[in-house]
C-alpha atoms as a PDB file:
ATOM      1  CA  MET A   1     -66.714  64.996 -30.829  1.00  0.00           C
ATOM      2  CA  HIS A   2     -69.707  63.119 -28.849  1.00  0.00           C
ATOM      3  CA  GLU A   3     -67.951  59.875 -29.098  1.00  0.00           C
ATOM      4  CA  MET A   4     -65.794  60.623 -25.772  1.00  0.00           C
ATOM      5  CA  SER A   5     -69.256  61.691 -23.672  1.00  0.00           C
ATOM      6  CA  ILE A   6     -70.996  58.740 -25.290  1.00  0.00           C
ATOM      7  CA  CYS A   7     -67.746  56.344 -23.644  1.00  0.00           C
ATOM      8  CA  GLU A   8     -67.759  58.466 -20.600  1.00  0.00           C
ATOM      9  CA  GLY A   9     -71.170  56.956 -20.462  1.00  0.00           C
ATOM     10  CA  ILE A  10     -70.484  53.834 -21.257  1.00  0.00           C
ATOM     11  CA  VAL A  11     -67.678  53.347 -18.505  1.00  0.00           C
ATOM     12  CA  ASP A  12     -69.867  54.924 -16.032  1.00  0.00           C
ATOM     13  CA  VAL A  13     -72.635  52.133 -16.404  1.00  0.00           C
ATOM     14  CA  LEU A  14     -69.785  49.626 -16.298  1.00  0.00           C
ATOM     15  CA  GLU A  15     -68.384  51.042 -13.155  1.00  0.00           C
ATOM     16  CA  GLU A  16     -72.075  50.693 -11.393  1.00  0.00           C
ATOM     17  CA  GLN A  17     -72.295  47.216 -12.716  1.00  0.00           C
ATOM     18  CA  ALA A  18     -69.306  46.415 -11.113  1.00  0.00           C
ATOM     19  CA  LEU A  19     -70.025  47.673  -7.490  1.00  0.00           C
ATOM     20  CA  ALA A  20     -73.743  46.211  -8.233  1.00  0.00           C
ATOM     21  CA  LYS A  21     -72.688  42.933  -9.378  1.00  0.00           C
ATOM     22  CA  ASP A  22     -69.591  42.523  -7.479  1.00  0.00           C
ATOM     23  CA  PHE A  23     -66.936  42.134 -10.479  1.00  0.00           C
ATOM     24  CA  ARG A  24     -63.515  43.489 -10.523  1.00  0.00           C
ATOM     25  CA  GLN A  25     -62.589  43.495 -14.309  1.00  0.00           C
ATOM     26  CA  VAL A  26     -64.298  43.831 -17.832  1.00  0.00           C
ATOM     27  CA  GLU A  27     -62.988  41.366 -20.285  1.00  0.00           C
ATOM     28  CA  LYS A  28     -65.062  42.197 -23.341  1.00  0.00           C
ATOM     29  CA  VAL A  29     -67.972  44.679 -24.131  1.00  0.00           C
ATOM     30  CA  ARG A  30     -70.262  44.142 -27.017  1.00  0.00           C
ATOM     31  CA  LEU A  31     -72.127  47.272 -28.394  1.00  0.00           C
ATOM     32  CA  GLU A  32     -74.797  47.402 -31.088  1.00  0.00           C
ATOM     33  CA  ILE A  33     -74.667  50.338 -33.235  1.00  0.00           C
ATOM     34  CA  GLY A  34     -76.775  51.252 -36.044  1.00  0.00           C
ATOM     35  CA  PRO A  35     -75.716  53.210 -38.940  1.00  0.00           C
ATOM     36  CA  LEU A  36     -78.458  55.676 -38.124  1.00  0.00           C
ATOM     37  CA  SER A  37     -77.347  56.426 -34.682  1.00  0.00           C
ATOM     38  CA  GLY A  38     -74.847  58.954 -35.540  1.00  0.00           C
ATOM     39  CA  VAL A  39     -72.030  57.618 -33.918  1.00  0.00           C
ATOM     40  CA  GLU A  40     -68.711  57.082 -35.788  1.00  0.00           C
ATOM     41  CA  ILE A  41     -67.369  53.706 -34.780  1.00  0.00           C
ATOM     42  CA  GLU A  42     -63.462  54.403 -35.165  1.00  0.00           C
ATOM     43  CA  ALA A  43     -63.581  57.306 -32.966  1.00  0.00           C
ATOM     44  CA  LEU A  44     -65.740  55.533 -30.491  1.00  0.00           C
ATOM     45  CA  ARG A  45     -63.128  52.825 -30.290  1.00  0.00           C
ATOM     46  CA  PHE A  46     -60.089  55.218 -30.197  1.00  0.00           C
ATOM     47  CA  CYS A  47     -62.374  57.671 -27.346  1.00  0.00           C
ATOM     48  CA  PHE A  48     -62.829  54.135 -25.382  1.00  0.00           C
ATOM     49  CA  ASP A  49     -59.275  53.375 -25.138  1.00  0.00           C
ATOM     50  CA  ALA A  50     -58.638  56.539 -23.894  1.00  0.00           C
ATOM     51  CA  VAL A  51     -61.457  56.814 -21.162  1.00  0.00           C
ATOM     52  CA  SER A  52     -61.283  52.909 -19.953  1.00  0.00           C
ATOM     53  CA  ARG A  53     -57.731  53.799 -18.548  1.00  0.00           C
ATOM     54  CA  GLY A  54     -57.780  53.105 -14.791  1.00  0.00           C
ATOM     55  CA  THR A  55     -61.284  51.908 -14.766  1.00  0.00           C
ATOM     56  CA  VAL A  56     -62.662  48.454 -14.474  1.00  0.00           C
ATOM     57  CA  ALA A  57     -62.979  48.351 -18.569  1.00  0.00           C
ATOM     58  CA  GLN A  58     -59.045  49.240 -18.550  1.00  0.00           C
ATOM     59  CA  ASN A  59     -57.627  46.473 -21.377  1.00  0.00           C
ATOM     60  CA  ALA A  60     -61.139  45.548 -22.194  1.00  0.00           C
ATOM     61  CA  VAL A  61     -61.931  44.236 -25.748  1.00  0.00           C
ATOM     62  CA  LEU A  62     -64.321  46.354 -27.291  1.00  0.00           C
ATOM     63  CA  GLU A  63     -66.601  44.643 -30.003  1.00  0.00           C
ATOM     64  CA  ILE A  64     -68.915  46.251 -32.178  1.00  0.00           C
ATOM     65  CA  ILE A  65     -72.095  44.317 -33.971  1.00  0.00           C
ATOM     66  CA  GLU A  66     -73.207  46.650 -36.512  1.00  0.00           C
ATOM     67  CA  THR A  67     -77.099  46.629 -37.180  1.00  0.00           C
ATOM     68  CA  ARG A  68     -78.924  47.446 -40.130  1.00  0.00           C
ATOM     69  CA  GLY A  69     -80.585  50.444 -40.858  1.00  0.00           C
ATOM     70  CA  GLU A  70     -84.737  49.880 -41.429  1.00  0.00           C
ATOM     71  CA  ALA A  71     -87.511  52.116 -42.425  1.00  0.00           C
ATOM     72  CA  TRP A  72     -91.234  51.826 -43.072  1.00  0.00           C
ATOM     73  CA  CYS A  73     -92.314  53.057 -46.423  1.00  0.00           C
ATOM     74  CA  LEU A  74     -95.556  54.786 -46.020  1.00  0.00           C
ATOM     75  CA  LYS A  75     -96.114  54.880 -49.487  1.00  0.00           C
ATOM     76  CA  CYS A  76     -95.258  51.458 -50.226  1.00  0.00           C
ATOM     77  CA  ALA A  77     -96.403  50.081 -46.946  1.00  0.00           C
ATOM     78  CA  ARG A  78     -93.364  47.691 -46.448  1.00  0.00           C
ATOM     79  CA  THR A  79     -89.958  47.758 -44.457  1.00  0.00           C
ATOM     80  CA  ILE A  80     -86.801  48.818 -46.493  1.00  0.00           C
ATOM     81  CA  ILE A  81     -83.086  48.854 -45.612  1.00  0.00           C
ATOM     82  CA  VAL A  82     -81.662  52.181 -45.368  1.00  0.00           C
ATOM     83  CA  LYS A  83     -78.230  53.406 -45.196  1.00  0.00           C
ATOM     84  CA  GLN A  84     -78.335  56.718 -43.870  1.00  0.00           C
ATOM     85  CA  ARG A  85     -81.320  59.140 -42.668  1.00  0.00           C
ATOM     86  CA  PHE A  86     -83.346  60.997 -45.303  1.00  0.00           C
ATOM     87  CA  ASP A  87     -82.611  58.112 -47.965  1.00  0.00           C
ATOM     88  CA  ALA A  88     -85.243  57.548 -50.653  1.00  0.00           C
ATOM     89  CA  CYS A  89     -87.089  54.479 -50.879  1.00  0.00           C
ATOM     90  CA  PRO A  90     -85.288  52.243 -53.167  1.00  0.00           C
ATOM     91  CA  ASP A  91     -88.621  50.676 -54.764  1.00  0.00           C
ATOM     92  CA  CYS A  92     -90.593  53.895 -55.050  1.00  0.00           C
ATOM     93  CA  GLY A  93     -88.517  56.848 -54.230  1.00  0.00           C
ATOM     94  CA  SER A  94     -90.788  58.432 -51.374  1.00  0.00           C
ATOM     95  CA  TYR A  95     -89.183  60.005 -49.073  1.00  0.00           C
ATOM     96  CA  GLN A  96     -91.909  59.431 -46.647  1.00  0.00           C
ATOM     97  CA  LEU A  97     -90.029  57.105 -44.212  1.00  0.00           C
ATOM     98  CA  GLN A  98     -90.334  55.931 -40.627  1.00  0.00           C
ATOM     99  CA  VAL A  99     -87.047  55.052 -39.190  1.00  0.00           C
ATOM    100  CA  THR A 100     -87.814  51.173 -37.165  1.00  0.00           C
ATOM    101  CA  GLY A 101     -84.229  50.115 -36.629  1.00  0.00           C
ATOM    102  CA  GLY A 102     -80.592  50.825 -37.080  1.00  0.00           C
ATOM    103  CA  ASP A 103     -80.543  53.962 -34.571  1.00  0.00           C
ATOM    104  CA  GLU A 104     -79.296  52.058 -31.325  1.00  0.00           C
ATOM    105  CA  LEU A 105     -76.441  52.363 -29.522  1.00  0.00           C
ATOM    106  CA  ARG A 106     -76.821  49.962 -26.629  1.00  0.00           C
ATOM    107  CA  ILE A 107     -74.640  47.682 -24.552  1.00  0.00           C
ATOM    108  CA  LYS A 108     -75.529  43.967 -25.677  1.00  0.00           C
ATOM    109  CA  ASP A 109     -73.532  41.992 -22.990  1.00  0.00           C
ATOM    110  CA  LEU A 110     -70.223  41.993 -20.975  1.00  0.00           C
ATOM    111  CA  GLU A 111     -67.557  39.288 -19.983  1.00  0.00           C
ATOM    112  CA  VAL A 112     -66.405  40.174 -16.641  1.00  0.00           C
ATOM    113  CA  ASN A 113     -63.944  38.560 -13.820  1.00  0.00           C
END
């Protein structure tokens, strides 16, 4: 389950920022996660609760903002919506797609004390 190591990385960033920005507690963490990121959101929520115990993020609310998957179809020369990697273009059926969005996993912002 790579979601555990992802959460460990997130908590490490929060701990570093707490020292750098002089805050004691994270109240809310907002993450942007795309459908092409390979992250299982429910597993991430479970792992975040476990990993954040005893840290500045203990009891923090984890808010997930799900972005949409987008790709550029080389055949149609247009941006299309994709739900998963290796989908075909819904307009022309081509598999010549270049992902342009939806593969992100990033901390969007925090609410802290």
